[in-house]
Amino acid sequence: MLKRILASGIIAVFCTVLLTACATSTTEEHKGAIVGGTGGAVAGGVIGGIIGHQSGSTGTGVVIGALLGGLAGAAVGHYAYDQKRTEEQAKQQYNYDYSQSQANLVRIESASAAPARVYPGDTVNLVATYTVLGPQGAEMDVTEIREVRLKGELQGKPQVTVKRRGGTYESKVPLILPQDAPRGSYVVTTTIQSGQSSDTREARFSVG
């Protein structure tokens, strides 16, 4: 049965130069985790939230980053993730043996922005499926970075660092576009880092 953790905490919202923050409690429902703000979204500026304990991930992570330029009025919904493969399943998939490699394995299997075509005010889900492997049973620091660019200019960079055990995970960051979002083709560069290892994958969406 899927297990999910709802968490709303440490949210910082910029209104011009005004910064306010609030924190609330966590609620466990299904496997995976959801992180976001009160009311389900965090306004543009600085985004944040807490990830609590769940199977495959322990400790605390904070979603941070800025929404800039034409996306300064955007909002970020609940960060969510689920485990798709156990450590043993992932090791078999990649024929991985830490005693031989002496390095963490990081592989992004897919990255997408869905739907691929949206309009101002719509929500784009920035999704990544990736595998991380390290010493047997060990918890690793894993950083997820998503850079959103329009015409080469950085528009946003939400990121989160969590502690994960080996396995395959799918994570999602919903980006709620402002009503005046600039039209054009956006490039989302997703990078997953653990130890000295990292992997990067690009996805695109267009605002019509």
Protein backbone atom coordinates (compact mmCIF):
# COMPACT_ATOMS: atom_id res chain seq x y z
CA MET A 1 0.00 0.00 0.00
CA LEU A 2 1.36 3.36 -0.94
CA LYS A 3 2.33 5.54 1.96
CA ARG A 4 2.49 9.33 1.60
CA ILE A 5 3.70 12.04 3.91
CA LEU A 6 2.14 15.47 3.74
CA ALA A 7 4.27 18.27 5.03
CA SER A 8 3.87 21.99 5.03
CA GLY A 9 6.62 23.90 6.70
CA ILE A 10 9.21 26.58 6.47
CA ILE A 11 7.71 28.51 3.60
CA ALA A 12 9.23 31.80 2.63
CA VAL A 13 7.36 34.10 0.29
CA PHE A 14 8.72 37.24 -1.26
CA CYS A 15 6.36 40.15 -1.96
CA THR A 16 8.75 42.68 -3.46
CA VAL A 17 11.14 42.87 -0.50
CA LEU A 18 8.81 41.58 2.21
CA LEU A 19 9.62 38.09 3.53
CA THR A 20 7.21 36.11 5.66
CA ALA A 21 7.40 32.51 6.83
CA CYS A 22 5.19 29.98 8.48
CA ALA A 23 5.46 26.35 9.56
CA THR A 24 2.88 23.67 10.18
CA SER A 25 2.79 20.00 11.05
CA THR A 26 3.12 16.85 8.95
CA THR A 27 0.50 14.21 8.19
CA GLU A 28 1.22 10.70 6.96
CA GLU A 29 -1.09 9.19 4.32
CA HIS A 30 0.59 7.21 1.55
CA LYS A 31 4.04 6.00 0.56
CA GLY A 32 6.25 8.77 -0.73
CA ALA A 33 6.22 12.37 0.36
CA ILE A 34 4.52 15.60 -0.52
CA VAL A 35 6.06 18.89 0.41
CA GLY A 36 4.53 22.29 -0.08
CA GLY A 37 2.89 25.29 1.44
CA THR A 38 -0.30 26.03 3.27
CA GLY A 39 -3.17 25.91 0.80
CA GLY A 40 -1.21 23.67 -1.56
CA ALA A 41 1.18 26.10 -3.23
CA VAL A 42 4.00 28.48 -2.52
CA ALA A 43 4.09 31.85 -4.23
CA GLY A 44 7.02 32.96 -6.35
CA GLY A 45 10.17 34.19 -4.65
CA VAL A 46 11.65 31.60 -2.33
CA ILE A 47 10.05 28.17 -2.00
CA GLY A 48 10.48 25.74 0.86
CA GLY A 49 9.13 22.76 2.75
CA ILE A 50 10.12 19.87 4.99
CA ILE A 51 10.33 16.20 4.03
CA GLY A 52 9.70 13.85 6.91
CA HIS A 53 10.52 10.22 7.60
CA GLN A 54 9.29 7.59 5.16
CA SER A 55 10.36 4.22 3.78
CA GLY A 56 13.53 4.69 1.74
CA SER A 57 14.14 8.25 2.92
CA THR A 58 14.86 9.51 6.40
CA GLY A 59 15.92 12.83 7.81
CA THR A 60 14.89 16.28 6.75
CA GLY A 61 15.10 18.06 3.40
CA VAL A 62 14.15 21.60 2.48
CA VAL A 63 12.97 22.64 -0.97
CA ILE A 64 14.72 25.91 -1.77
CA GLY A 65 15.21 28.12 -4.79
CA ALA A 66 14.01 31.26 -6.48
CA LEU A 67 11.45 31.99 -9.18
CA LEU A 68 12.70 34.85 -11.31
CA GLY A 69 11.90 37.02 -14.29
CA GLY A 70 8.66 36.13 -16.01
CA LEU A 71 7.99 33.36 -13.46
CA ALA A 72 8.36 35.62 -10.41
CA GLY A 73 4.57 35.43 -9.98
CA ALA A 74 4.47 31.64 -10.29
CA ALA A 75 3.80 29.19 -7.45
CA VAL A 76 5.24 25.80 -6.57
CA GLY A 77 2.84 23.08 -5.46
CA HIS A 78 3.54 20.04 -3.29
CA TYR A 79 6.83 18.25 -3.97
CA ALA A 80 6.09 14.52 -4.17
CA TYR A 81 8.03 11.30 -4.61
CA ASP A 82 7.54 7.54 -4.63
CA GLN A 83 9.97 4.63 -4.60
CA LYS A 84 9.76 2.51 -7.76
CA ARG A 85 12.46 -0.09 -7.05
CA THR A 86 14.02 -1.36 -3.86
CA GLU A 87 17.77 -1.28 -3.37
CA GLU A 88 18.11 -4.94 -4.36
CA GLN A 89 15.97 -4.50 -7.46
CA ALA A 90 17.97 -1.45 -8.54
CA LYS A 91 21.29 -3.24 -7.97
CA GLN A 92 20.13 -6.07 -10.22
CA GLN A 93 18.89 -3.62 -12.84
CA TYR A 94 22.29 -1.90 -13.07
CA ASN A 95 24.54 -4.83 -12.10
CA TYR A 96 25.98 -2.58 -9.42
CA ASP A 97 28.58 -3.55 -6.80
CA TYR A 98 29.84 -0.73 -4.58
CA SER A 99 32.86 -2.79 -3.44
CA GLN A 100 34.08 -2.70 -7.04
CA SER A 101 33.06 0.81 -8.09
CA GLN A 102 33.73 2.64 -4.78
CA ALA A 103 31.43 5.40 -6.04
CA ASN A 104 27.74 6.12 -5.83
CA LEU A 105 25.72 5.34 -8.92
CA VAL A 106 23.34 8.06 -10.13
CA ARG A 107 21.18 7.53 -13.23
CA ILE A 108 18.27 9.63 -14.43
CA GLU A 109 16.00 7.23 -16.28
CA SER A 110 13.55 9.87 -17.48
CA ALA A 111 12.76 13.55 -17.06
CA SER A 112 9.66 15.28 -18.35
CA ALA A 113 7.54 18.39 -18.16
CA ALA A 114 3.85 17.54 -18.46
CA PRO A 115 1.76 18.58 -20.16
CA ALA A 116 4.21 19.63 -22.85
CA ARG A 117 2.01 22.55 -23.94
CA VAL A 118 0.33 24.81 -21.42
CA TYR A 119 -1.10 28.30 -21.08
CA PRO A 120 -0.61 31.07 -18.51
CA GLY A 121 -2.19 30.00 -15.23
CA ASP A 122 -1.78 26.28 -15.98
CA THR A 123 0.31 23.79 -13.96
CA VAL A 124 3.38 22.04 -15.35
CA ASN A 125 4.60 18.93 -13.52
CA LEU A 126 8.40 18.64 -13.53
CA VAL A 127 8.97 14.90 -13.14
CA ALA A 128 12.16 12.85 -12.82
CA THR A 129 12.69 9.12 -12.37
CA TYR A 130 16.17 8.22 -11.16
CA THR A 131 18.24 5.55 -9.45
CA VAL A 132 20.81 6.09 -6.71
CA LEU A 133 23.00 3.34 -5.28
CA GLY A 134 25.84 3.36 -2.76
CA PRO A 135 27.11 1.19 0.08
CA GLN A 136 24.64 -1.54 1.03
CA GLY A 137 21.87 -0.15 3.24
CA ALA A 138 23.52 3.24 3.65
CA GLU A 139 21.70 6.56 3.62
CA MET A 140 23.02 9.00 1.04
CA ASP A 141 22.56 12.73 0.55
CA VAL A 142 20.75 13.19 -2.76
CA THR A 143 20.22 16.63 -4.28
CA GLU A 144 17.58 17.24 -6.94
CA ILE A 145 18.02 20.43 -8.97
CA ARG A 146 15.60 21.69 -11.61
CA GLU A 147 16.64 24.73 -13.63
CA VAL A 148 13.94 26.36 -15.75
CA ARG A 149 15.11 28.60 -18.62
CA LEU A 150 13.44 30.68 -21.27
CA LYS A 151 15.59 31.81 -24.20
CA GLY A 152 18.65 30.85 -22.19
CA GLU A 153 17.69 33.01 -19.20
CA LEU A 154 17.24 31.31 -15.82
CA GLN A 155 13.63 31.65 -14.63
CA GLY A 156 13.68 29.35 -11.61
CA LYS A 157 15.81 26.81 -9.75
CA PRO A 158 13.89 24.76 -7.18
CA GLN A 159 16.06 22.16 -5.47
CA VAL A 160 15.89 19.78 -2.53
CA THR A 161 18.43 17.65 -0.67
CA VAL A 162 17.19 14.50 1.05
CA LYS A 163 18.66 11.39 2.60
CA ARG A 164 17.78 8.29 0.61
CA ARG A 165 18.69 4.63 0.71
CA GLY A 166 19.54 2.94 -2.56
CA GLY A 167 16.69 2.44 -5.01
CA THR A 168 14.76 4.00 -7.87
CA TYR A 169 12.58 7.03 -7.17
CA GLU A 170 10.14 9.23 -9.04
CA SER A 171 9.78 12.81 -7.88
CA LYS A 172 7.54 15.65 -9.03
CA VAL A 173 7.51 19.41 -8.61
CA PRO A 174 4.30 21.12 -9.82
CA LEU A 175 5.00 24.58 -11.24
CA ILE A 176 1.89 26.78 -11.32
CA LEU A 177 2.41 29.45 -13.95
CA PRO A 178 1.37 33.05 -13.36
CA GLN A 179 -1.42 34.53 -15.45
CA ASP A 180 1.14 36.72 -17.21
CA ALA A 181 3.72 33.99 -17.85
CA PRO A 182 5.80 34.83 -20.94
CA ARG A 183 4.97 32.69 -23.94
CA GLY A 184 7.66 30.56 -25.51
CA SER A 185 9.61 27.33 -25.21
CA TYR A 186 11.01 26.55 -21.75
CA VAL A 187 13.90 24.16 -21.07
CA VAL A 188 14.00 22.27 -17.77
CA THR A 189 17.43 20.89 -16.86
CA THR A 190 17.18 18.27 -14.12
CA THR A 191 20.34 17.28 -12.26
CA ILE A 192 20.57 14.57 -9.59
CA GLN A 193 23.69 14.55 -7.39
CA SER A 194 24.96 12.13 -4.77
CA GLY A 195 28.53 12.21 -3.51
CA GLN A 196 30.81 12.85 -6.47
CA SER A 197 28.33 11.36 -8.93
CA SER A 198 25.65 13.18 -10.90
CA ASP A 199 23.45 12.86 -13.95
CA THR A 200 21.56 15.47 -16.00
CA ARG A 201 18.59 15.28 -18.34
CA GLU A 202 16.61 17.95 -20.21
CA ALA A 203 12.90 18.31 -20.88
CA ARG A 204 10.84 21.03 -22.54
CA PHE A 205 7.43 22.61 -22.32
CA SER A 206 5.89 25.51 -24.18
CA VAL A 207 3.59 28.25 -23.00
CA GLY A 208 1.11 29.30 -25.69
